[in-house]
Amino acid sequence: MAVYQYGQRIPQIGRDSYISDSARVIGDVTIGDNCYIGHGAIVRGDYGKIIIGTGSAIEENAILHIRPNGILELEDRITVGHGAIIHGKLIKSHAVIGIGSVIGFDVVIGAWSIIAEGCVVPQKTIIPDEKITGGVPFKIIGDVQQKHKDFWTYGKQLYIDLAKEYPEKLKRL
């Protein structure tokens, strides 16, 4: 695990959470239970605080960071896609941040909302609950349907299961 203290800021890691040895978790970071922090991900709480809720997945090469003395909170069961860059304020439960998306400072993403791949959400934007956004800059392009919730509930469970299996199944050759 690549977990680092920064001054007096020490990460707190929940039970059954997996952090890749190529990821970096730095400083004032709290990671809930059953989380997955993928290969190459960077979670930088060196001069701000980052909270990652239970059952969340920070996929490969995603970056989470916050301004000095700021707080970035991801509630429970958040998916942050591969290569996303997050500088937001609050991502509410069950939201999905798509591959390669960029989330600016002070952004709030609503519960169950889906930010499409490559979407750019500029600073201080508030995305309501259960909306689908896409584009550069973002536009609301639809409403989340039950089929989306069903798919993402399944997808989030895959990462919870993966976090439990990795310590046993991943072997360096």
C-alpha atoms as a PDB file:
ATOM      1  CA  MET A   1       0.000   0.000   0.000  1.00  0.00           C
ATOM      2  CA  ALA A   2       1.319   3.452  -0.861  1.00  0.00           C
ATOM      3  CA  VAL A   3      -0.109   5.476   2.019  1.00  0.00           C
ATOM      4  CA  TYR A   4       1.770   8.533   3.225  1.00  0.00           C
ATOM      5  CA  GLN A   5       1.640  10.828   6.219  1.00  0.00           C
ATOM      6  CA  TYR A   6       2.123  14.503   5.339  1.00  0.00           C
ATOM      7  CA  GLY A   7       3.199  16.490   8.410  1.00  0.00           C
ATOM      8  CA  GLN A   8       0.508  15.820  10.995  1.00  0.00           C
ATOM      9  CA  ARG A   9      -1.987  14.659   8.353  1.00  0.00           C
ATOM     10  CA  ILE A  10      -2.388  10.875   8.461  1.00  0.00           C
ATOM     11  CA  PRO A  11      -4.692   8.792   6.220  1.00  0.00           C
ATOM     12  CA  GLN A  12      -7.369   6.654   7.864  1.00  0.00           C
ATOM     13  CA  ILE A  13      -8.294   3.493   5.952  1.00  0.00           C
ATOM     14  CA  GLY A  14     -11.491   1.503   6.527  1.00  0.00           C
ATOM     15  CA  ARG A  15     -11.728  -2.260   6.740  1.00  0.00           C
ATOM     16  CA  ASP A  16     -11.763  -4.398   3.620  1.00  0.00           C
ATOM     17  CA  SER A  17     -10.559  -1.486   1.487  1.00  0.00           C
ATOM     18  CA  TYR A  18      -7.930  -2.091  -1.158  1.00  0.00           C
ATOM     19  CA  ILE A  19      -5.271   0.443  -2.116  1.00  0.00           C
ATOM     20  CA  SER A  20      -2.997  -0.502  -5.001  1.00  0.00           C
ATOM     21  CA  ASP A  21       0.725  -0.323  -4.336  1.00  0.00           C
ATOM     22  CA  SER A  22       0.988   2.027  -7.326  1.00  0.00           C
ATOM     23  CA  ALA A  23      -1.697   4.387  -5.985  1.00  0.00           C
ATOM     24  CA  ARG A  24      -0.827   7.284  -3.685  1.00  0.00           C
ATOM     25  CA  VAL A  25      -2.945   8.210  -0.665  1.00  0.00           C
ATOM     26  CA  ILE A  26      -1.417  11.242   0.994  1.00  0.00           C
ATOM     27  CA  GLY A  27      -2.258  13.227   4.133  1.00  0.00           C
ATOM     28  CA  ASP A  28      -5.699  14.007   5.533  1.00  0.00           C
ATOM     29  CA  VAL A  29      -7.662  11.313   3.710  1.00  0.00           C
ATOM     30  CA  THR A  30     -10.393   9.148   5.196  1.00  0.00           C
ATOM     31  CA  ILE A  31     -11.357   6.083   3.202  1.00  0.00           C
ATOM     32  CA  GLY A  32     -14.465   4.183   4.275  1.00  0.00           C
ATOM     33  CA  ASP A  33     -14.974   0.440   4.387  1.00  0.00           C
ATOM     34  CA  ASN A  34     -15.074  -1.711   1.245  1.00  0.00           C
ATOM     35  CA  CYS A  35     -13.436   0.857  -1.037  1.00  0.00           C
ATOM     36  CA  TYR A  36     -11.225   0.279  -4.062  1.00  0.00           C
ATOM     37  CA  ILE A  37      -8.363   2.687  -4.835  1.00  0.00           C
ATOM     38  CA  GLY A  38      -7.014   1.576  -8.210  1.00  0.00           C
ATOM     39  CA  HIS A  39      -3.598   1.399  -9.767  1.00  0.00           C
ATOM     40  CA  GLY A  40      -2.052   4.796 -10.390  1.00  0.00           C
ATOM     41  CA  ALA A  41      -4.797   6.707  -8.543  1.00  0.00           C
ATOM     42  CA  ILE A  42      -3.726   9.742  -6.514  1.00  0.00           C
ATOM     43  CA  VAL A  43      -5.705  10.951  -3.503  1.00  0.00           C
ATOM     44  CA  ARG A  44      -3.931  14.082  -2.222  1.00  0.00           C
ATOM     45  CA  GLY A  45      -4.992  15.393   1.157  1.00  0.00           C
ATOM     46  CA  ASP A  46      -1.689  17.180   1.688  1.00  0.00           C
ATOM     47  CA  TYR A  47      -3.233  20.562   2.463  1.00  0.00           C
ATOM     48  CA  GLY A  48      -6.956  19.857   2.387  1.00  0.00           C
ATOM     49  CA  LYS A  49      -9.218  17.040   3.606  1.00  0.00           C
ATOM     50  CA  ILE A  50     -10.654  14.259   1.429  1.00  0.00           C
ATOM     51  CA  ILE A  51     -13.372  11.888   2.628  1.00  0.00           C
ATOM     52  CA  ILE A  52     -14.266   8.822   0.556  1.00  0.00           C
ATOM     53  CA  GLY A  53     -17.431   7.041   1.648  1.00  0.00           C
ATOM     54  CA  THR A  54     -18.040   3.348   2.101  1.00  0.00           C
ATOM     55  CA  GLY A  55     -18.263   1.180  -0.998  1.00  0.00           C
ATOM     56  CA  SER A  56     -16.669   3.745  -3.319  1.00  0.00           C
ATOM     57  CA  ALA A  57     -14.298   3.022  -6.205  1.00  0.00           C
ATOM     58  CA  ILE A  58     -11.548   5.383  -7.317  1.00  0.00           C
ATOM     59  CA  GLU A  59     -10.498   3.740 -10.545  1.00  0.00           C
ATOM     60  CA  GLU A  60      -7.105   3.658 -12.216  1.00  0.00           C
ATOM     61  CA  ASN A  61      -5.233   6.949 -12.733  1.00  0.00           C
ATOM     62  CA  ALA A  62      -7.969   9.107 -11.194  1.00  0.00           C
ATOM     63  CA  ILE A  63      -6.805  12.166  -9.261  1.00  0.00           C
ATOM     64  CA  LEU A  64      -8.570  13.640  -6.229  1.00  0.00           C
ATOM     65  CA  HIS A  65      -7.240  16.875  -4.750  1.00  0.00           C
ATOM     66  CA  ILE A  66      -8.550  19.909  -2.900  1.00  0.00           C
ATOM     67  CA  ARG A  67      -7.488  23.488  -2.238  1.00  0.00           C
ATOM     68  CA  PRO A  68      -5.714  24.524   1.007  1.00  0.00           C
ATOM     69  CA  ASN A  69      -8.011  23.935   3.996  1.00  0.00           C
ATOM     70  CA  GLY A  70     -10.780  22.757   1.657  1.00  0.00           C
ATOM     71  CA  ILE A  71     -12.853  19.611   1.995  1.00  0.00           C
ATOM     72  CA  LEU A  72     -13.777  17.197  -0.775  1.00  0.00           C
ATOM     73  CA  GLU A  73     -16.393  14.683   0.323  1.00  0.00           C
ATOM     74  CA  LEU A  74     -17.518  11.669  -1.642  1.00  0.00           C
ATOM     75  CA  GLU A  75     -20.511  10.079   0.041  1.00  0.00           C
ATOM     76  CA  ASP A  76     -21.143   6.323  -0.081  1.00  0.00           C
ATOM     77  CA  ARG A  77     -20.933   4.149  -3.215  1.00  0.00           C
ATOM     78  CA  ILE A  78     -19.366   6.698  -5.541  1.00  0.00           C
ATOM     79  CA  THR A  79     -17.682   5.571  -8.757  1.00  0.00           C
ATOM     80  CA  VAL A  80     -14.849   7.756 -10.060  1.00  0.00           C
ATOM     81  CA  GLY A  81     -13.898   6.510 -13.526  1.00  0.00           C
ATOM     82  CA  HIS A  82     -10.437   5.921 -14.923  1.00  0.00           C
ATOM     83  CA  GLY A  83      -8.408   9.094 -15.394  1.00  0.00           C
ATOM     84  CA  ALA A  84     -10.982  11.475 -13.917  1.00  0.00           C
ATOM     85  CA  ILE A  85      -9.738  14.635 -12.188  1.00  0.00           C
ATOM     86  CA  ILE A  86     -11.754  15.737  -9.164  1.00  0.00           C
ATOM     87  CA  HIS A  87     -11.397  19.093  -7.381  1.00  0.00           C
ATOM     88  CA  GLY A  88     -15.039  19.268  -6.293  1.00  0.00           C
ATOM     89  CA  LYS A  89     -16.717  19.916  -2.977  1.00  0.00           C
ATOM     90  CA  LEU A  90     -19.370  17.211  -2.602  1.00  0.00           C
ATOM     91  CA  ILE A  91     -20.305  14.154  -4.621  1.00  0.00           C
ATOM     92  CA  LYS A  92     -23.496  12.663  -3.231  1.00  0.00           C
ATOM     93  CA  SER A  93     -24.247   8.965  -2.777  1.00  0.00           C
ATOM     94  CA  HIS A  94     -24.330   6.632  -5.791  1.00  0.00           C
ATOM     95  CA  ALA A  95     -23.086   9.267  -8.260  1.00  0.00           C
ATOM     96  CA  VAL A  96     -20.888   8.196 -11.171  1.00  0.00           C
ATOM     97  CA  ILE A  97     -18.026  10.323 -12.498  1.00  0.00           C
ATOM     98  CA  GLY A  98     -17.190   9.048 -15.979  1.00  0.00           C
ATOM     99  CA  ILE A  99     -13.832   8.152 -17.454  1.00  0.00           C
ATOM    100  CA  GLY A 100     -11.650  11.206 -18.094  1.00  0.00           C
ATOM    101  CA  SER A 101     -14.105  13.705 -16.617  1.00  0.00           C
ATOM    102  CA  VAL A 102     -12.931  16.927 -14.992  1.00  0.00           C
ATOM    103  CA  ILE A 103     -14.764  18.261 -11.943  1.00  0.00           C
ATOM    104  CA  GLY A 104     -13.797  21.826 -10.933  1.00  0.00           C
ATOM    105  CA  PHE A 105     -13.496  23.392  -7.486  1.00  0.00           C
ATOM    106  CA  ASP A 106     -16.641  23.786  -5.341  1.00  0.00           C
ATOM    107  CA  VAL A 107     -18.763  21.557  -7.594  1.00  0.00           C
ATOM    108  CA  VAL A 108     -21.649  19.596  -6.057  1.00  0.00           C
ATOM    109  CA  ILE A 109     -22.826  16.465  -7.870  1.00  0.00           C
ATOM    110  CA  GLY A 110     -26.293  15.190  -6.914  1.00  0.00           C
ATOM    111  CA  ALA A 111     -27.180  11.723  -5.679  1.00  0.00           C
ATOM    112  CA  TRP A 112     -27.389   9.074  -8.421  1.00  0.00           C
ATOM    113  CA  SER A 113     -26.222  11.599 -11.029  1.00  0.00           C
ATOM    114  CA  ILE A 114     -24.064  10.385 -13.903  1.00  0.00           C
ATOM    115  CA  ILE A 115     -21.301  12.550 -15.363  1.00  0.00           C
ATOM    116  CA  ALA A 116     -20.533  11.157 -18.840  1.00  0.00           C
ATOM    117  CA  GLU A 117     -17.055  10.258 -20.043  1.00  0.00           C
ATOM    118  CA  GLY A 118     -14.887  13.262 -20.823  1.00  0.00           C
ATOM    119  CA  CYS A 119     -17.381  15.731 -19.383  1.00  0.00           C
ATOM    120  CA  VAL A 120     -16.095  19.003 -17.930  1.00  0.00           C
ATOM    121  CA  VAL A 121     -18.041  20.453 -15.001  1.00  0.00           C
ATOM    122  CA  PRO A 122     -16.694  23.961 -14.232  1.00  0.00           C
ATOM    123  CA  GLN A 123     -16.164  25.331 -10.744  1.00  0.00           C
ATOM    124  CA  LYS A 124     -19.126  26.215  -8.509  1.00  0.00           C
ATOM    125  CA  THR A 125     -21.585  24.172 -10.600  1.00  0.00           C
ATOM    126  CA  ILE A 126     -24.382  22.299  -8.833  1.00  0.00           C
ATOM    127  CA  ILE A 127     -25.728  19.219 -10.623  1.00  0.00           C
ATOM    128  CA  PRO A 128     -29.164  18.208  -9.254  1.00  0.00           C
ATOM    129  CA  ASP A 129     -29.921  14.663  -8.091  1.00  0.00           C
ATOM    130  CA  GLU A 130     -30.537  11.977 -10.725  1.00  0.00           C
ATOM    131  CA  LYS A 131     -29.323  13.930 -13.773  1.00  0.00           C
ATOM    132  CA  ILE A 132     -27.124  12.761 -16.631  1.00  0.00           C
ATOM    133  CA  THR A 133     -24.628  15.302 -17.944  1.00  0.00           C
ATOM    134  CA  GLY A 134     -22.253  15.289 -20.875  1.00  0.00           C
ATOM    135  CA  GLY A 135     -20.134  17.613 -22.958  1.00  0.00           C
ATOM    136  CA  VAL A 136     -17.497  20.300 -22.697  1.00  0.00           C
ATOM    137  CA  PRO A 137     -18.655  22.264 -20.870  1.00  0.00           C
ATOM    138  CA  PHE A 138     -21.369  20.060 -19.401  1.00  0.00           C
ATOM    139  CA  LYS A 139     -25.042  20.136 -20.257  1.00  0.00           C
ATOM    140  CA  ILE A 140     -27.804  18.189 -18.574  1.00  0.00           C
ATOM    141  CA  ILE A 141     -28.773  15.644 -21.204  1.00  0.00           C
ATOM    142  CA  GLY A 142     -31.247  13.446 -19.370  1.00  0.00           C
ATOM    143  CA  ASP A 143     -32.685  11.948 -16.225  1.00  0.00           C
ATOM    144  CA  VAL A 144     -31.399   8.843 -14.494  1.00  0.00           C
ATOM    145  CA  GLN A 145     -33.780   5.915 -14.984  1.00  0.00           C
ATOM    146  CA  GLN A 146     -34.183   2.745 -12.940  1.00  0.00           C
ATOM    147  CA  LYS A 147     -32.141   0.831 -15.548  1.00  0.00           C
ATOM    148  CA  HIS A 148     -29.186   3.149 -14.831  1.00  0.00           C
ATOM    149  CA  LYS A 149     -29.525   2.579 -11.094  1.00  0.00           C
ATOM    150  CA  ASP A 150     -29.691  -1.175 -11.607  1.00  0.00           C
ATOM    151  CA  PHE A 151     -26.580  -1.184 -13.815  1.00  0.00           C
ATOM    152  CA  TRP A 152     -24.533   1.021 -11.469  1.00  0.00           C
ATOM    153  CA  THR A 153     -25.622  -0.897  -8.368  1.00  0.00           C
ATOM    154  CA  TYR A 154     -24.227  -4.005 -10.077  1.00  0.00           C
ATOM    155  CA  GLY A 155     -21.060  -2.145 -11.161  1.00  0.00           C
ATOM    156  CA  LYS A 156     -20.378  -0.751  -7.698  1.00  0.00           C
ATOM    157  CA  GLN A 157     -20.716  -4.228  -6.166  1.00  0.00           C
ATOM    158  CA  LEU A 158     -18.084  -5.517  -8.612  1.00  0.00           C
ATOM    159  CA  TYR A 159     -15.554  -3.074  -7.136  1.00  0.00           C
ATOM    160  CA  ILE A 160     -16.541  -3.873  -3.542  1.00  0.00           C
ATOM    161  CA  ASP A 161     -15.937  -7.546  -4.343  1.00  0.00           C
ATOM    162  CA  LEU A 162     -12.696  -6.702  -6.143  1.00  0.00           C
ATOM    163  CA  ALA A 163     -11.396  -4.802  -3.093  1.00  0.00           C
ATOM    164  CA  LYS A 164     -11.919  -7.923  -0.973  1.00  0.00           C
ATOM    165  CA  GLU A 165     -10.363 -10.297  -3.526  1.00  0.00           C
ATOM    166  CA  TYR A 166      -7.262  -8.312  -4.527  1.00  0.00           C
ATOM    167  CA  PRO A 167      -5.167  -8.972  -1.395  1.00  0.00           C
ATOM    168  CA  GLU A 168      -5.618 -12.712  -1.906  1.00  0.00           C
ATOM    169  CA  LYS A 169      -5.551 -13.019  -5.694  1.00  0.00           C
ATOM    170  CA  LEU A 170      -3.069 -10.356  -6.852  1.00  0.00           C
ATOM    171  CA  LYS A 171       0.437 -11.848  -6.990  1.00  0.00           C
ATOM    172  CA  ARG A 172       3.579 -10.125  -8.238  1.00  0.00           C
ATOM    173  CA  LEU A 173       5.448 -12.355 -10.716  1.00  0.00           C
END
